[in-house]
Structures are given as structure tokens and as C-alpha cells.
Amino acid sequence: MNNPKLHHFFAQSLQDRFANSDGALFAYDKRFPQKGIWETTSKNIFAETHLYSITKDGEKDPSLERDVFSPLDRKANDLVEKIVTAARVNKRPILSPNEKKLWNEFLYYQWKRVPDRLRTSAALTDLKNYIPGLISEYEKKNIHVSDEKKKRFEDPKYLKELANSARAIAAATKPSEEIESILERKGIVIALIKKGTKSFIIGSQPVVRFSNSGNMHLSDPGVELWLPVSRDVAISPAYRKGEEVLIEVTDAQVRHINLTIFKQSTTIAARSAYLISSIVNHC
């Protein structure tokens, strides 16, 4: 049985669509500005060891990565290939209902499962201070927590394993009925870059949300939820169910998406070191 240790939260197959002709990506990490911009490949970036593993009795269980996320990424890769190939010849992909459902699922998890988003939860990042209140709530409900268990909660190693497991479970949480319904009722808009000198970047928080109305709720018709899926194609839910609209994006729109990805992400990458440099220096 394949039990992967390195878990990509942005699939290698998807990353490769942003790489240059040599298969290289140029990356920048805000946590290590002294490192500057470096050359890498999809194997070595947007991944963490045992990101989606759950620790059980001291053993790492990677079944979420093996049985949930990896199969989803493989299926979504074929779908993305269909969409990108059609867009590059100015055609709509004409998705089947099952393909649209798969796209909705992939978009949702690409939005939810990334570490940058998971680590914004105070409960998951500060378990040491969160757990006493949780124990108190249990005891108010007459649920006994043993002294042995309480002592384990004082162990930093155990707390770290607990937090990592909780993040993995949170990453795999299914969308609410409301979110499923909203995405199901929408079509898609496919944005294509036709200029060979322009390109989308990838970010460690790759889905960006814009609003024309100021209301950021996904149900608002003015909200856009963009996910670049290749150097020249990005996709957002839009319009009505069954509609597929292909648009050409302007240089300013590409720049806006790229800068927003950079602002909300820890790490970014693209096919060009010059592009990454221009974004880092702009901000």
C-alpha cells in the first residue's frame, strides 16, 4: 500500500501548467526573504510532510491524502486539461453535470485545504490555551476527563500532533449544503490570457475572492472566486447553471489577480523569475 509522506496541497500536475519550457518554477517565500527568488520544480514546492496525516497511537495515518485528496487531484487534472485545451482554441469545454460537480468539489477543497487557510484558525494554532476551556465545557456536561488525559494535554509534542491531526480533519471537511447549492446553481467563467508575455502565478493560498458590491458572500452575484489552473487560464463560478463563458483578460486584470494571490499567500511561484520579482518589489 502506498503511504505518501510528502503531501502536495497544490497538485504537481497543476503546478506543471505554470512551469516554463524546462519544467522549472521560480518561487519566493515571505518567511525567508533573505533567500530571494529560487528555481525549483513541482516536486519540491506547495507540499508539506504528513500535512494530511492523522496521528493514531503514535503512528501517522496518511489515508486522507492517499484515499481522498490524491484521487481528487488526479480526476481534477483530467478535467482541467479539458477546460484549458478548449479555452486555448477559443472554445467552451461543455462540461457534463458530473464534470461540473467535480469542478465544484475541486474548487472548494483547493480553497479550504491549504495550510495558509487552515492556520488562520485560533483554535488549531493555540491549542494549549484553547483546551482548558474545552475541558471545562466537558466537565459542565458531566463528561469526565481523566488526570492522565489532562497531563497529556501539557505535552508540547502531543499538542503538536493533535493540532496537525485537527488541521487534516478540517481540510477534509465536506462543504455545507449551502455552499454546495450555491456552486451548483452557478455556471463558470473561463479567463484566458492571449498575450504570451503575461502569466498567472501560483500561490499557497491560490483562490482569490473579489466583490463588485462589497458583500463577500458567495451567494452574491457580484462575487468572483478565481482559481488560476495554468499560466494562461483561470476559472470562477459565475452566471447561471449550465452557462460557460470564455473571456480574454486584460493586463490589468491579470496583475490584479496576481497581486491579490501574493498578498494572501506565504509562497508564490511562476514560470518567470522576472514576474515574481516584479510582484515582490511592487508590494
C-alpha atoms as a PDB file:
ATOM      1  CA  MET A   1       0.000   0.000   0.000  1.00  0.00           C
ATOM      2  CA  ASN A   2       1.315   3.442  -0.972  1.00  0.00           C
ATOM      3  CA  ASN A   3       1.597   5.654   2.104  1.00  0.00           C
ATOM      4  CA  PRO A   4       2.926   9.014   0.884  1.00  0.00           C
ATOM      5  CA  LYS A   5       4.789  11.222   3.350  1.00  0.00           C
ATOM      6  CA  LEU A   6       5.025  14.394   1.245  1.00  0.00           C
ATOM      7  CA  HIS A   7       1.545  15.810   0.670  1.00  0.00           C
ATOM      8  CA  HIS A   8       1.035  18.434  -2.033  1.00  0.00           C
ATOM      9  CA  PHE A   9      -1.758  20.907  -1.374  1.00  0.00           C
ATOM     10  CA  PHE A  10      -1.408  22.206  -4.938  1.00  0.00           C
ATOM     11  CA  ALA A  11      -1.043  19.129  -7.137  1.00  0.00           C
ATOM     12  CA  GLN A  12       2.157  18.651  -9.120  1.00  0.00           C
ATOM     13  CA  SER A  13       0.159  18.133 -12.301  1.00  0.00           C
ATOM     14  CA  LEU A  14      -1.497  21.515 -11.770  1.00  0.00           C
ATOM     15  CA  GLN A  15       1.784  23.236 -10.923  1.00  0.00           C
ATOM     16  CA  ASP A  16       3.353  21.916 -14.113  1.00  0.00           C
ATOM     17  CA  ARG A  17       0.904  24.009 -16.134  1.00  0.00           C
ATOM     18  CA  PHE A  18       2.585  27.127 -14.705  1.00  0.00           C
ATOM     19  CA  ALA A  19       6.167  25.989 -15.344  1.00  0.00           C
ATOM     20  CA  ASN A  20       8.432  27.179 -18.148  1.00  0.00           C
ATOM     21  CA  SER A  21       9.507  25.028 -21.114  1.00  0.00           C
ATOM     22  CA  ASP A  22      12.227  23.422 -18.974  1.00  0.00           C
ATOM     23  CA  GLY A  23       9.700  22.396 -16.309  1.00  0.00           C
ATOM     24  CA  ALA A  24      11.070  24.972 -13.868  1.00  0.00           C
ATOM     25  CA  LEU A  25       9.242  27.269 -11.480  1.00  0.00           C
ATOM     26  CA  PHE A  26      10.640  30.353  -9.777  1.00  0.00           C
ATOM     27  CA  ALA A  27       9.490  30.805  -6.199  1.00  0.00           C
ATOM     28  CA  TYR A  28       9.506  33.283  -3.339  1.00  0.00           C
ATOM     29  CA  ASP A  29       8.640  32.639   0.318  1.00  0.00           C
ATOM     30  CA  LYS A  30       7.725  35.558   2.601  1.00  0.00           C
ATOM     31  CA  ARG A  31       9.009  33.625   5.604  1.00  0.00           C
ATOM     32  CA  PHE A  32      12.541  33.583   4.150  1.00  0.00           C
ATOM     33  CA  PRO A  33      13.033  36.881   2.285  1.00  0.00           C
ATOM     34  CA  GLN A  34      16.796  36.533   2.616  1.00  0.00           C
ATOM     35  CA  LYS A  35      16.591  33.511   0.316  1.00  0.00           C
ATOM     36  CA  GLY A  36      15.321  35.673  -2.510  1.00  0.00           C
ATOM     37  CA  ILE A  37      13.849  34.043  -5.603  1.00  0.00           C
ATOM     38  CA  TRP A  38      14.918  30.484  -6.296  1.00  0.00           C
ATOM     39  CA  GLU A  39      14.423  27.930  -9.055  1.00  0.00           C
ATOM     40  CA  THR A  40      12.524  24.760  -8.207  1.00  0.00           C
ATOM     41  CA  THR A  41      10.125  22.150  -9.608  1.00  0.00           C
ATOM     42  CA  SER A  42       6.618  20.995  -8.752  1.00  0.00           C
ATOM     43  CA  LYS A  43       8.015  18.087  -6.753  1.00  0.00           C
ATOM     44  CA  ASN A  44       9.525  20.360  -4.129  1.00  0.00           C
ATOM     45  CA  ILE A  45       7.033  23.158  -3.556  1.00  0.00           C
ATOM     46  CA  PHE A  46       3.499  23.628  -2.227  1.00  0.00           C
ATOM     47  CA  ALA A  47       3.877  20.487  -0.140  1.00  0.00           C
ATOM     48  CA  GLU A  48       4.441  19.541   3.489  1.00  0.00           C
ATOM     49  CA  THR A  49       5.442  16.302   5.192  1.00  0.00           C
ATOM     50  CA  HIS A  50       2.370  14.498   6.559  1.00  0.00           C
ATOM     51  CA  LEU A  51       0.200  17.575   6.008  1.00  0.00           C
ATOM     52  CA  TYR A  52      -2.985  15.489   5.865  1.00  0.00           C
ATOM     53  CA  SER A  53      -1.895  12.637   8.138  1.00  0.00           C
ATOM     54  CA  ILE A  54      -3.732  11.882  11.355  1.00  0.00           C
ATOM     55  CA  THR A  55      -1.662  10.600  14.286  1.00  0.00           C
ATOM     56  CA  LYS A  56      -3.161   7.498  15.909  1.00  0.00           C
ATOM     57  CA  ASP A  57      -1.349   5.781  18.777  1.00  0.00           C
ATOM     58  CA  GLY A  58       1.885   7.426  17.696  1.00  0.00           C
ATOM     59  CA  GLU A  59       1.543   6.299  14.062  1.00  0.00           C
ATOM     60  CA  LYS A  60       0.928   8.585  11.080  1.00  0.00           C
ATOM     61  CA  ASP A  61      -2.148   7.642   9.068  1.00  0.00           C
ATOM     62  CA  PRO A  62      -1.997   9.232   5.570  1.00  0.00           C
ATOM     63  CA  SER A  63      -5.327   7.811   4.388  1.00  0.00           C
ATOM     64  CA  LEU A  64      -6.831  11.272   3.769  1.00  0.00           C
ATOM     65  CA  GLU A  65      -4.030  12.073   1.326  1.00  0.00           C
ATOM     66  CA  ARG A  66      -3.998   8.596  -0.212  1.00  0.00           C
ATOM     67  CA  ASP A  67      -7.736   7.973  -0.443  1.00  0.00           C
ATOM     68  CA  VAL A  68      -9.284  11.451  -0.666  1.00  0.00           C
ATOM     69  CA  PHE A  69      -7.025  14.214  -1.940  1.00  0.00           C
ATOM     70  CA  SER A  70      -4.753  12.314  -4.352  1.00  0.00           C
ATOM     71  CA  PRO A  71      -7.697  10.688  -6.208  1.00  0.00           C
ATOM     72  CA  LEU A  72      -9.471  14.065  -6.345  1.00  0.00           C
ATOM     73  CA  ASP A  73      -6.361  15.730  -7.791  1.00  0.00           C
ATOM     74  CA  ARG A  74      -5.997  13.009 -10.432  1.00  0.00           C
ATOM     75  CA  LYS A  75      -9.608  13.299 -11.566  1.00  0.00           C
ATOM     76  CA  ALA A  76      -9.478  17.092 -11.495  1.00  0.00           C
ATOM     77  CA  ASN A  77      -6.293  17.086 -13.579  1.00  0.00           C
ATOM     78  CA  ASP A  78      -8.128  15.455 -16.499  1.00  0.00           C
ATOM     79  CA  LEU A  79     -10.951  17.958 -16.134  1.00  0.00           C
ATOM     80  CA  VAL A  80      -8.585  20.945 -16.008  1.00  0.00           C
ATOM     81  CA  GLU A  81      -6.833  19.626 -19.121  1.00  0.00           C
ATOM     82  CA  LYS A  82     -10.180  19.558 -20.929  1.00  0.00           C
ATOM     83  CA  ILE A  83     -11.004  23.133 -19.882  1.00  0.00           C
ATOM     84  CA  VAL A  84      -7.563  24.564 -20.688  1.00  0.00           C
ATOM     85  CA  THR A  85      -7.324  22.790 -24.059  1.00  0.00           C
ATOM     86  CA  ALA A  86     -10.731  24.122 -25.099  1.00  0.00           C
ATOM     87  CA  ALA A  87     -10.002  27.662 -23.899  1.00  0.00           C
ATOM     88  CA  ARG A  88      -6.760  27.880 -25.877  1.00  0.00           C
ATOM     89  CA  VAL A  89      -8.694  27.338 -29.115  1.00  0.00           C
ATOM     90  CA  ASN A  90     -11.469  29.737 -28.037  1.00  0.00           C
ATOM     91  CA  LYS A  91     -13.993  27.019 -27.268  1.00  0.00           C
ATOM     92  CA  ARG A  92     -16.158  26.246 -24.276  1.00  0.00           C
ATOM     93  CA  PRO A  93     -15.426  22.879 -22.599  1.00  0.00           C
ATOM     94  CA  ILE A  94     -19.127  21.860 -22.435  1.00  0.00           C
ATOM     95  CA  LEU A  95     -18.937  20.116 -19.074  1.00  0.00           C
ATOM     96  CA  SER A  96     -21.285  17.281 -18.188  1.00  0.00           C
ATOM     97  CA  PRO A  97     -23.232  17.561 -14.909  1.00  0.00           C
ATOM     98  CA  ASN A  98     -20.763  15.149 -13.297  1.00  0.00           C
ATOM     99  CA  GLU A  99     -17.791  17.162 -14.551  1.00  0.00           C
ATOM    100  CA  LYS A 100     -19.295  20.391 -13.208  1.00  0.00           C
ATOM    101  CA  LYS A 101     -19.874  18.670  -9.852  1.00  0.00           C
ATOM    102  CA  LEU A 102     -16.233  17.536  -9.848  1.00  0.00           C
ATOM    103  CA  TRP A 103     -15.086  21.080 -10.612  1.00  0.00           C
ATOM    104  CA  ASN A 104     -17.165  22.451  -7.716  1.00  0.00           C
ATOM    105  CA  GLU A 105     -15.635  19.884  -5.368  1.00  0.00           C
ATOM    106  CA  PHE A 106     -12.095  20.578  -6.545  1.00  0.00           C
ATOM    107  CA  LEU A 107     -12.528  24.358  -6.263  1.00  0.00           C
ATOM    108  CA  TYR A 108     -13.935  24.037  -2.744  1.00  0.00           C
ATOM    109  CA  TYR A 109     -11.097  21.870  -1.480  1.00  0.00           C
ATOM    110  CA  GLN A 110      -8.432  23.923  -3.236  1.00  0.00           C
ATOM    111  CA  TRP A 111      -9.826  26.871  -1.328  1.00  0.00           C
ATOM    112  CA  LYS A 112     -10.146  25.068   2.024  1.00  0.00           C
ATOM    113  CA  ARG A 113      -7.292  22.579   2.276  1.00  0.00           C
ATOM    114  CA  VAL A 114      -4.247  24.857   2.007  1.00  0.00           C
ATOM    115  CA  PRO A 115      -2.089  25.418   5.122  1.00  0.00           C
ATOM    116  CA  ASP A 116      -2.286  29.222   4.857  1.00  0.00           C
ATOM    117  CA  ARG A 117      -6.029  28.984   5.360  1.00  0.00           C
ATOM    118  CA  LEU A 118      -6.027  26.172   7.923  1.00  0.00           C
ATOM    119  CA  ARG A 119      -3.584  28.044  10.148  1.00  0.00           C
ATOM    120  CA  THR A 120      -5.853  31.055  10.480  1.00  0.00           C
ATOM    121  CA  SER A 121      -7.963  29.107  12.995  1.00  0.00           C
ATOM    122  CA  ALA A 122      -7.074  30.254  16.509  1.00  0.00           C
ATOM    123  CA  ALA A 123      -8.406  27.008  17.974  1.00  0.00           C
ATOM    124  CA  LEU A 124      -5.965  24.982  15.871  1.00  0.00           C
ATOM    125  CA  THR A 125      -2.928  27.227  16.297  1.00  0.00           C
ATOM    126  CA  ASP A 126      -3.254  27.848  20.038  1.00  0.00           C
ATOM    127  CA  LEU A 127      -4.476  24.528  21.436  1.00  0.00           C
ATOM    128  CA  LYS A 128      -2.549  24.981  24.687  1.00  0.00           C
ATOM    129  CA  ASN A 129      -4.786  27.908  25.649  1.00  0.00           C
ATOM    130  CA  TYR A 130      -7.904  26.528  23.978  1.00  0.00           C
ATOM    131  CA  ILE A 131      -8.001  23.096  25.637  1.00  0.00           C
ATOM    132  CA  PRO A 132      -8.605  24.199  29.285  1.00  0.00           C
ATOM    133  CA  GLY A 133     -11.823  25.875  28.200  1.00  0.00           C
ATOM    134  CA  LEU A 134     -12.806  22.756  26.256  1.00  0.00           C
ATOM    135  CA  ILE A 135     -12.177  20.527  29.298  1.00  0.00           C
ATOM    136  CA  SER A 136     -14.260  22.914  31.391  1.00  0.00           C
ATOM    137  CA  GLU A 137     -17.126  22.610  28.929  1.00  0.00           C
ATOM    138  CA  TYR A 138     -16.898  18.815  29.055  1.00  0.00           C
ATOM    139  CA  GLU A 139     -16.967  18.813  32.859  1.00  0.00           C
ATOM    140  CA  LYS A 140     -20.009  21.113  32.898  1.00  0.00           C
ATOM    141  CA  LYS A 141     -21.741  18.426  30.866  1.00  0.00           C
ATOM    142  CA  ASN A 142     -20.570  15.754  33.348  1.00  0.00           C
ATOM    143  CA  ILE A 143     -18.131  14.294  30.826  1.00  0.00           C
ATOM    144  CA  HIS A 144     -15.117  13.104  32.834  1.00  0.00           C
ATOM    145  CA  VAL A 145     -11.611  13.911  31.589  1.00  0.00           C
ATOM    146  CA  SER A 146      -9.025  11.799  33.431  1.00  0.00           C
ATOM    147  CA  ASP A 147      -5.963  13.303  35.114  1.00  0.00           C
ATOM    148  CA  GLU A 148      -3.813  11.231  32.753  1.00  0.00           C
ATOM    149  CA  LYS A 149      -5.521  12.799  29.752  1.00  0.00           C
ATOM    150  CA  LYS A 150      -5.155  16.284  31.218  1.00  0.00           C
ATOM    151  CA  LYS A 151      -1.436  15.672  31.729  1.00  0.00           C
ATOM    152  CA  ARG A 152      -1.057  14.610  28.104  1.00  0.00           C
ATOM    153  CA  PHE A 153      -2.501  17.973  27.088  1.00  0.00           C
ATOM    154  CA  GLU A 154       0.508  19.600  28.757  1.00  0.00           C
ATOM    155  CA  ASP A 155       2.941  17.736  26.489  1.00  0.00           C
ATOM    156  CA  PRO A 156       4.041  20.053  23.601  1.00  0.00           C
ATOM    157  CA  LYS A 157       4.711  17.087  21.304  1.00  0.00           C
ATOM    158  CA  TYR A 158       1.242  15.676  21.884  1.00  0.00           C
ATOM    159  CA  LEU A 159      -0.344  19.101  21.360  1.00  0.00           C
ATOM    160  CA  LYS A 160       1.507  19.487  18.065  1.00  0.00           C
ATOM    161  CA  GLU A 161       0.319  16.074  16.869  1.00  0.00           C
ATOM    162  CA  LEU A 162      -3.208  16.910  17.992  1.00  0.00           C
ATOM    163  CA  ALA A 163      -3.160  20.244  16.133  1.00  0.00           C
ATOM    164  CA  ASN A 164      -1.803  18.623  12.956  1.00  0.00           C
ATOM    165  CA  SER A 165      -4.484  15.923  13.087  1.00  0.00           C
ATOM    166  CA  ALA A 166      -7.191  18.515  13.685  1.00  0.00           C
ATOM    167  CA  ARG A 167      -5.990  20.513  10.672  1.00  0.00           C
ATOM    168  CA  ALA A 168      -6.047  17.401   8.495  1.00  0.00           C
ATOM    169  CA  ILE A 169      -9.610  16.626   9.547  1.00  0.00           C
ATOM    170  CA  ALA A 170     -10.633  20.261   8.974  1.00  0.00           C
ATOM    171  CA  ALA A 171      -9.106  20.179   5.489  1.00  0.00           C
ATOM    172  CA  ALA A 172     -11.245  17.194   4.546  1.00  0.00           C
ATOM    173  CA  THR A 173     -14.497  18.591   5.942  1.00  0.00           C
ATOM    174  CA  LYS A 174     -17.199  18.457   3.280  1.00  0.00           C
ATOM    175  CA  PRO A 175     -18.842  21.671   2.072  1.00  0.00           C
ATOM    176  CA  SER A 176     -22.053  22.746   3.721  1.00  0.00           C
ATOM    177  CA  GLU A 177     -25.331  22.230   1.903  1.00  0.00           C
ATOM    178  CA  GLU A 178     -25.452  25.997   1.373  1.00  0.00           C
ATOM    179  CA  ILE A 179     -22.058  26.123  -0.358  1.00  0.00           C
ATOM    180  CA  GLU A 180     -22.864  23.060  -2.456  1.00  0.00           C
ATOM    181  CA  SER A 181     -26.144  24.625  -3.532  1.00  0.00           C
ATOM    182  CA  ILE A 182     -24.570  27.978  -4.421  1.00  0.00           C
ATOM    183  CA  LEU A 183     -21.864  26.373  -6.564  1.00  0.00           C
ATOM    184  CA  GLU A 184     -24.363  24.003  -8.174  1.00  0.00           C
ATOM    185  CA  ARG A 185     -26.580  26.925  -9.228  1.00  0.00           C
ATOM    186  CA  LYS A 186     -23.720  28.756 -10.939  1.00  0.00           C
ATOM    187  CA  GLY A 187     -22.035  28.235 -14.273  1.00  0.00           C
ATOM    188  CA  ILE A 188     -18.372  29.038 -14.918  1.00  0.00           C
ATOM    189  CA  VAL A 189     -16.425  31.866 -16.490  1.00  0.00           C
ATOM    190  CA  ILE A 190     -13.068  30.962 -18.017  1.00  0.00           C
ATOM    191  CA  ALA A 191     -10.492  33.743 -18.261  1.00  0.00           C
ATOM    192  CA  LEU A 192      -7.823  33.344 -20.953  1.00  0.00           C
ATOM    193  CA  ILE A 193      -4.544  35.236 -21.309  1.00  0.00           C
ATOM    194  CA  LYS A 194      -3.737  35.571 -25.008  1.00  0.00           C
ATOM    195  CA  LYS A 195      -0.533  37.572 -24.638  1.00  0.00           C
ATOM    196  CA  GLY A 196       2.431  35.209 -24.466  1.00  0.00           C
ATOM    197  CA  THR A 197       4.324  37.696 -22.304  1.00  0.00           C
ATOM    198  CA  LYS A 198       1.747  37.581 -19.496  1.00  0.00           C
ATOM    199  CA  SER A 199       1.119  34.803 -16.986  1.00  0.00           C
ATOM    200  CA  PHE A 200      -0.775  33.907 -13.838  1.00  0.00           C
ATOM    201  CA  ILE A 201       1.178  32.949 -10.734  1.00  0.00           C
ATOM    202  CA  ILE A 202       0.510  30.158  -8.217  1.00  0.00           C
ATOM    203  CA  GLY A 203       0.137  30.921  -4.525  1.00  0.00           C
ATOM    204  CA  SER A 204      -0.006  28.904  -1.334  1.00  0.00           C
ATOM    205  CA  GLN A 205      -3.490  30.385  -0.970  1.00  0.00           C
ATOM    206  CA  PRO A 206      -4.450  30.163  -4.636  1.00  0.00           C
ATOM    207  CA  VAL A 207      -8.169  31.019  -4.675  1.00  0.00           C
ATOM    208  CA  VAL A 208      -8.935  34.753  -4.696  1.00  0.00           C
ATOM    209  CA  ARG A 209     -12.271  36.362  -3.982  1.00  0.00           C
ATOM    210  CA  PHE A 210     -13.429  39.707  -5.380  1.00  0.00           C
ATOM    211  CA  SER A 211     -16.705  41.565  -4.996  1.00  0.00           C
ATOM    212  CA  ASN A 212     -18.304  44.362  -7.001  1.00  0.00           C
ATOM    213  CA  SER A 213     -20.790  45.106  -4.220  1.00  0.00           C
ATOM    214  CA  GLY A 214     -18.680  44.897  -1.068  1.00  0.00           C
ATOM    215  CA  ASN A 215     -20.620  41.800   0.019  1.00  0.00           C
ATOM    216  CA  MET A 216     -18.140  38.893   0.018  1.00  0.00           C
ATOM    217  CA  HIS A 217     -20.680  36.089   0.486  1.00  0.00           C
ATOM    218  CA  LEU A 218     -20.504  33.596  -2.353  1.00  0.00           C
ATOM    219  CA  SER A 219     -24.258  33.808  -2.936  1.00  0.00           C
ATOM    220  CA  ASP A 220     -23.920  37.444  -4.040  1.00  0.00           C
ATOM    221  CA  PRO A 221     -23.986  37.670  -7.880  1.00  0.00           C
ATOM    222  CA  GLY A 222     -21.150  40.210  -7.738  1.00  0.00           C
ATOM    223  CA  VAL A 223     -18.712  37.860  -6.016  1.00  0.00           C
ATOM    224  CA  GLU A 224     -15.980  36.192  -8.079  1.00  0.00           C
ATOM    225  CA  LEU A 225     -13.898  33.246  -6.833  1.00  0.00           C
ATOM    226  CA  TRP A 226     -10.921  32.860  -9.148  1.00  0.00           C
ATOM    227  CA  LEU A 227      -8.566  29.892  -9.298  1.00  0.00           C
ATOM    228  CA  PRO A 228      -5.766  30.032 -11.891  1.00  0.00           C
ATOM    229  CA  VAL A 229      -5.290  26.496 -13.239  1.00  0.00           C
ATOM    230  CA  SER A 230      -2.498  27.189 -15.725  1.00  0.00           C
ATOM    231  CA  ARG A 231      -0.192  30.036 -16.681  1.00  0.00           C
ATOM    232  CA  ASP A 232      -2.873  31.372 -19.043  1.00  0.00           C
ATOM    233  CA  VAL A 233      -6.253  30.156 -17.699  1.00  0.00           C
ATOM    234  CA  ALA A 234      -8.234  30.966 -14.562  1.00  0.00           C
ATOM    235  CA  ILE A 235     -11.773  29.864 -13.660  1.00  0.00           C
ATOM    236  CA  SER A 236     -14.521  31.296 -11.453  1.00  0.00           C
ATOM    237  CA  PRO A 237     -18.118  30.336 -10.640  1.00  0.00           C
ATOM    238  CA  ALA A 238     -20.438  32.794 -12.389  1.00  0.00           C
ATOM    239  CA  TYR A 239     -23.712  33.365 -14.181  1.00  0.00           C
ATOM    240  CA  ARG A 240     -26.407  30.688 -14.153  1.00  0.00           C
ATOM    241  CA  LYS A 241     -26.320  26.910 -14.021  1.00  0.00           C
ATOM    242  CA  GLY A 242     -25.160  25.409 -17.304  1.00  0.00           C
ATOM    243  CA  GLU A 243     -23.592  28.610 -18.624  1.00  0.00           C
ATOM    244  CA  GLU A 244     -19.957  28.595 -19.721  1.00  0.00           C
ATOM    245  CA  VAL A 245     -18.460  31.948 -20.701  1.00  0.00           C
ATOM    246  CA  LEU A 246     -14.983  32.440 -22.165  1.00  0.00           C
ATOM    247  CA  ILE A 247     -13.367  35.867 -21.761  1.00  0.00           C
ATOM    248  CA  GLU A 248      -9.996  37.387 -22.594  1.00  0.00           C
ATOM    249  CA  VAL A 249      -8.419  39.078 -19.582  1.00  0.00           C
ATOM    250  CA  THR A 250      -6.606  42.388 -19.759  1.00  0.00           C
ATOM    251  CA  ASP A 251      -3.095  43.005 -18.482  1.00  0.00           C
ATOM    252  CA  ALA A 252      -4.570  44.958 -15.559  1.00  0.00           C
ATOM    253  CA  GLN A 253      -6.881  42.082 -14.589  1.00  0.00           C
ATOM    254  CA  VAL A 254      -4.017  39.579 -14.669  1.00  0.00           C
ATOM    255  CA  ARG A 255      -1.941  41.886 -12.493  1.00  0.00           C
ATOM    256  CA  HIS A 256      -4.813  42.347 -10.047  1.00  0.00           C
ATOM    257  CA  ILE A 257      -5.283  38.592  -9.631  1.00  0.00           C
ATOM    258  CA  ASN A 258      -1.533  38.011  -9.249  1.00  0.00           C
ATOM    259  CA  LEU A 259      -1.076  40.765  -6.667  1.00  0.00           C
ATOM    260  CA  THR A 260      -4.047  39.519  -4.655  1.00  0.00           C
ATOM    261  CA  ILE A 261      -2.659  35.985  -4.657  1.00  0.00           C
ATOM    262  CA  PHE A 262       0.675  37.319  -3.421  1.00  0.00           C
ATOM    263  CA  LYS A 263      -0.893  39.415  -0.658  1.00  0.00           C
ATOM    264  CA  GLN A 264      -2.784  36.461   0.815  1.00  0.00           C
ATOM    265  CA  SER A 265      -0.130  33.774   0.272  1.00  0.00           C
ATOM    266  CA  THR A 266       3.046  32.793   2.103  1.00  0.00           C
ATOM    267  CA  THR A 267       4.678  31.346  -1.021  1.00  0.00           C
ATOM    268  CA  ILE A 268       4.264  32.139  -4.706  1.00  0.00           C
ATOM    269  CA  ALA A 269       5.716  30.672  -7.896  1.00  0.00           C
ATOM    270  CA  ALA A 270       5.614  31.235 -11.647  1.00  0.00           C
ATOM    271  CA  ARG A 271       7.412  30.346 -14.847  1.00  0.00           C
ATOM    272  CA  SER A 272       9.419  33.580 -14.795  1.00  0.00           C
ATOM    273  CA  ALA A 273      11.813  34.925 -12.175  1.00  0.00           C
ATOM    274  CA  TYR A 274      11.202  38.400 -13.607  1.00  0.00           C
ATOM    275  CA  LEU A 275       7.436  38.087 -12.977  1.00  0.00           C
ATOM    276  CA  ILE A 276       7.978  37.023  -9.360  1.00  0.00           C
ATOM    277  CA  SER A 277      10.478  39.848  -8.841  1.00  0.00           C
ATOM    278  CA  SER A 278       8.061  42.444 -10.228  1.00  0.00           C
ATOM    279  CA  ILE A 279       5.301  41.288  -7.856  1.00  0.00           C
ATOM    280  CA  VAL A 280       7.536  41.113  -4.768  1.00  0.00           C
ATOM    281  CA  ASN A 281       9.009  44.540  -5.467  1.00  0.00           C
ATOM    282  CA  HIS A 282       5.567  46.051  -6.128  1.00  0.00           C
ATOM    283  CA  CYS A 283       4.372  45.041  -2.665  1.00  0.00           C
END
